[in-house]
Amino acid sequence: MESVSDISSEEELLQLREEGKISEDEYKDLLATIRKSPVAGADRAVNARKATILQDVPWQIWIVVAVLALEGAGNLLIIPQQPVALIWLGAKCVFILGLLKGWRWAFCLFVVVGIAHILFFMLQAPVVALLNLAIVAVALSSFRFYFPSQAEYGGRLGTMTTPPLSTSDAPEPQSGKAS
């Protein structure tokens, strides 16, 4: 049985109409208002975004996630001998989660830590430094996933605005006449 929280506003309206609590005309007016409501449109956009978030992740990030997961498995195996590996395992988990969720701060932190690894291992273990360089380069190639261009949002930096969900959600143009 559905709980009250599972019933949408449209279903509630339909139920009120069927129970005779509102007329057919009131039902149509209220239904049109709900469908035009920016909140309802925003909910649809949020739900659509949640449904496709992992589908939107660029293939480059999936490669980085796979490499981090393999390194994390290695860290997991050496924790008894080197307890500091637990910290790196936790960091890798945060990086994986953040990269897949599209968190900008996690992307930036991953790049900074990756560059630090490149510099640290450059002389001690050039092969490890080269692998870190490759992973950071692959991650950086998906920069626009985390930082979309201004043209994509049509606004100034720092004032991202999303386009309307449909033409009915767009504001009507103002006429030149003053009232």
Protein backbone atom coordinates (compact mmCIF):
# COMPACT_ATOMS: atom_id res chain seq x y z
CA MET A 1 0.00 0.00 0.00
CA GLU A 2 1.26 3.47 -0.88
CA SER A 3 1.92 5.98 1.84
CA VAL A 4 0.74 9.57 1.59
CA SER A 5 4.27 10.74 0.78
CA ASP A 6 4.35 8.43 -2.27
CA ILE A 7 1.32 10.07 -3.88
CA SER A 8 2.15 12.95 -6.20
CA SER A 9 0.28 16.25 -6.27
CA GLU A 10 -1.42 15.29 -9.52
CA GLU A 11 -2.66 12.04 -7.99
CA GLU A 12 -3.96 13.95 -4.98
CA LEU A 13 -5.88 16.29 -7.26
CA LEU A 14 -7.36 13.36 -9.15
CA GLN A 15 -8.41 11.80 -5.86
CA LEU A 16 -10.07 15.06 -4.73
CA ARG A 17 -11.95 15.26 -8.05
CA GLU A 18 -13.12 11.66 -7.78
CA GLU A 19 -14.31 12.25 -4.22
CA GLY A 20 -16.31 15.28 -5.41
CA LYS A 21 -14.36 17.73 -3.27
CA ILE A 22 -13.38 19.82 -6.33
CA SER A 23 -15.16 20.39 -9.63
CA GLU A 24 -13.85 19.37 -13.06
CA ASP A 25 -12.99 23.01 -13.89
CA GLU A 26 -11.11 23.45 -10.60
CA TYR A 27 -9.26 20.20 -11.28
CA LYS A 28 -8.17 21.39 -14.74
CA ASP A 29 -7.06 24.81 -13.42
CA LEU A 30 -5.10 23.33 -10.51
CA LEU A 31 -3.53 20.65 -12.73
CA ALA A 32 -2.41 23.32 -15.22
CA THR A 33 -0.92 25.36 -12.35
CA ILE A 34 1.00 22.37 -11.00
CA ARG A 35 2.38 21.51 -14.42
CA LYS A 36 3.50 25.12 -15.00
CA SER A 37 5.02 25.40 -11.53
CA PRO A 38 8.81 25.93 -11.59
CA VAL A 39 9.09 23.69 -8.53
CA ALA A 40 7.48 20.78 -10.35
CA GLY A 41 9.72 21.40 -13.35
CA ALA A 42 12.77 21.59 -11.12
CA ASP A 43 11.83 18.29 -9.49
CA ARG A 44 11.57 16.65 -12.90
CA ALA A 45 14.99 18.02 -13.85
CA VAL A 46 16.58 16.86 -10.59
CA ASN A 47 15.09 13.37 -10.96
CA ALA A 48 16.24 13.15 -14.58
CA ARG A 49 19.73 14.27 -13.55
CA LYS A 50 19.90 11.68 -10.75
CA ALA A 51 18.78 8.94 -13.15
CA THR A 52 21.52 9.71 -15.67
CA ILE A 53 24.41 10.92 -13.51
CA LEU A 54 26.56 7.83 -14.04
CA GLN A 55 25.70 7.78 -17.73
CA ASP A 56 27.02 11.34 -18.04
CA VAL A 57 30.45 10.55 -16.57
CA PRO A 58 33.10 10.76 -19.34
CA TRP A 59 34.97 7.59 -20.28
CA GLN A 60 38.23 9.19 -19.12
CA ILE A 61 36.94 9.38 -15.57
CA TRP A 62 35.92 5.71 -15.71
CA ILE A 63 39.53 4.86 -16.60
CA VAL A 64 40.81 6.94 -13.67
CA VAL A 65 38.25 5.27 -11.36
CA ALA A 66 39.36 1.80 -12.51
CA VAL A 67 43.03 2.61 -11.87
CA LEU A 68 42.22 4.09 -8.46
CA ALA A 69 40.19 0.98 -7.58
CA LEU A 70 43.09 -1.29 -8.53
CA GLU A 71 45.51 0.80 -6.50
CA GLY A 72 43.02 0.75 -3.61
CA ALA A 73 42.91 -3.04 -3.71
CA GLY A 74 46.71 -3.03 -3.46
CA ASN A 75 46.53 -0.63 -0.51
CA LEU A 76 44.01 -2.90 1.18
CA LEU A 77 46.37 -5.86 0.96
CA ILE A 78 49.35 -4.01 2.50
CA ILE A 79 47.53 -2.36 5.42
CA PRO A 80 48.77 -4.97 7.96
CA GLN A 81 52.42 -4.28 7.04
CA GLN A 82 52.03 -0.53 6.37
CA PRO A 83 49.10 1.03 8.29
CA VAL A 84 49.57 4.34 6.44
CA ALA A 85 48.06 2.55 3.41
CA LEU A 86 44.69 2.91 5.16
CA ILE A 87 44.90 6.69 4.67
CA TRP A 88 45.64 6.27 0.96
CA LEU A 89 42.80 3.75 0.64
CA GLY A 90 40.42 6.29 2.20
CA ALA A 91 41.70 9.03 -0.11
CA LYS A 92 41.16 6.80 -3.13
CA CYS A 93 37.60 6.08 -2.00
CA VAL A 94 36.94 9.82 -1.66
CA PHE A 95 38.48 10.47 -5.10
CA ILE A 96 36.38 7.73 -6.72
CA LEU A 97 33.16 8.97 -5.11
CA GLY A 98 33.92 12.61 -5.88
CA LEU A 99 34.93 12.00 -9.48
CA LEU A 100 31.79 9.96 -10.18
CA LYS A 101 29.52 12.44 -8.39
CA GLY A 102 31.00 15.37 -10.31
CA TRP A 103 32.34 17.16 -7.23
CA ARG A 104 34.66 19.96 -8.36
CA TRP A 105 36.63 20.04 -5.12
CA ALA A 106 37.37 16.31 -5.40
CA PHE A 107 38.53 16.74 -9.01
CA CYS A 108 40.83 19.63 -8.02
CA LEU A 109 42.18 17.74 -5.00
CA PHE A 110 42.82 14.67 -7.18
CA VAL A 111 44.78 16.76 -9.69
CA VAL A 112 46.83 18.48 -6.95
CA VAL A 113 47.65 15.17 -5.24
CA GLY A 114 48.47 13.61 -8.61
CA ILE A 115 50.88 16.43 -9.47
CA ALA A 116 52.49 16.10 -6.03
CA HIS A 117 52.99 12.36 -6.70
CA ILE A 118 54.55 13.13 -10.07
CA LEU A 119 57.03 15.55 -8.50
CA PHE A 120 57.80 13.29 -5.53
CA PHE A 121 58.41 10.13 -7.58
CA MET A 122 60.15 11.83 -10.52
CA LEU A 123 63.67 10.97 -9.32
CA GLN A 124 62.95 8.03 -7.01
CA ALA A 125 60.70 5.99 -9.31
CA PRO A 126 60.35 7.47 -12.81
CA VAL A 127 57.96 4.72 -13.95
CA VAL A 128 55.56 5.51 -11.08
CA ALA A 129 55.83 9.22 -11.90
CA LEU A 130 55.03 8.48 -15.55
CA LEU A 131 51.96 6.43 -14.56
CA ASN A 132 50.77 9.25 -12.31
CA LEU A 133 51.34 11.72 -15.15
CA ALA A 134 49.22 9.57 -17.48
CA ILE A 135 46.38 9.33 -14.94
CA VAL A 136 46.40 13.07 -14.25
CA ALA A 137 46.47 13.81 -18.00
CA VAL A 138 43.49 11.51 -18.59
CA ALA A 139 41.58 13.16 -15.74
CA LEU A 140 42.42 16.66 -16.98
CA SER A 141 41.07 15.78 -20.42
CA SER A 142 37.60 15.72 -18.83
CA PHE A 143 38.01 19.20 -17.29
CA ARG A 144 34.78 20.50 -18.91
CA PHE A 145 32.71 17.84 -17.16
CA TYR A 146 33.54 19.54 -13.85
CA PHE A 147 33.87 23.10 -15.15
CA PRO A 148 31.45 23.68 -18.06
CA SER A 149 32.13 26.60 -20.37
CA GLN A 150 30.32 29.90 -19.92
CA ALA A 151 28.60 29.44 -23.28
CA GLU A 152 26.97 26.25 -22.01
CA TYR A 153 25.21 28.26 -19.29
CA GLY A 154 24.94 31.59 -21.05
CA GLY A 155 26.02 33.52 -17.97
CA ARG A 156 29.05 35.12 -16.38
CA LEU A 157 31.55 33.09 -14.40
CA GLY A 158 30.10 32.33 -11.00
CA THR A 159 26.50 33.00 -12.03
CA MET A 160 25.53 29.76 -13.69
CA THR A 161 21.94 29.70 -14.87
CA THR A 162 20.27 26.68 -16.32
CA PRO A 163 18.13 26.99 -19.42
CA PRO A 164 14.35 26.64 -19.04
CA LEU A 165 13.03 23.07 -19.04
CA SER A 166 10.54 23.84 -21.79
CA THR A 167 9.27 26.83 -23.71
CA SER A 168 6.34 27.13 -21.30
CA ASP A 169 8.81 27.68 -18.43
CA ALA A 170 10.58 30.52 -20.25
CA PRO A 171 9.73 34.05 -19.15
CA GLU A 172 7.56 36.00 -21.58
CA PRO A 173 9.32 38.88 -23.38
CA GLN A 174 8.58 42.34 -22.04
CA SER A 175 6.94 44.79 -24.43
CA GLY A 176 8.28 48.31 -24.79
CA LYS A 177 5.04 49.88 -23.47
CA ALA A 178 4.91 51.16 -19.91
CA SER A 179 1.64 50.70 -18.03
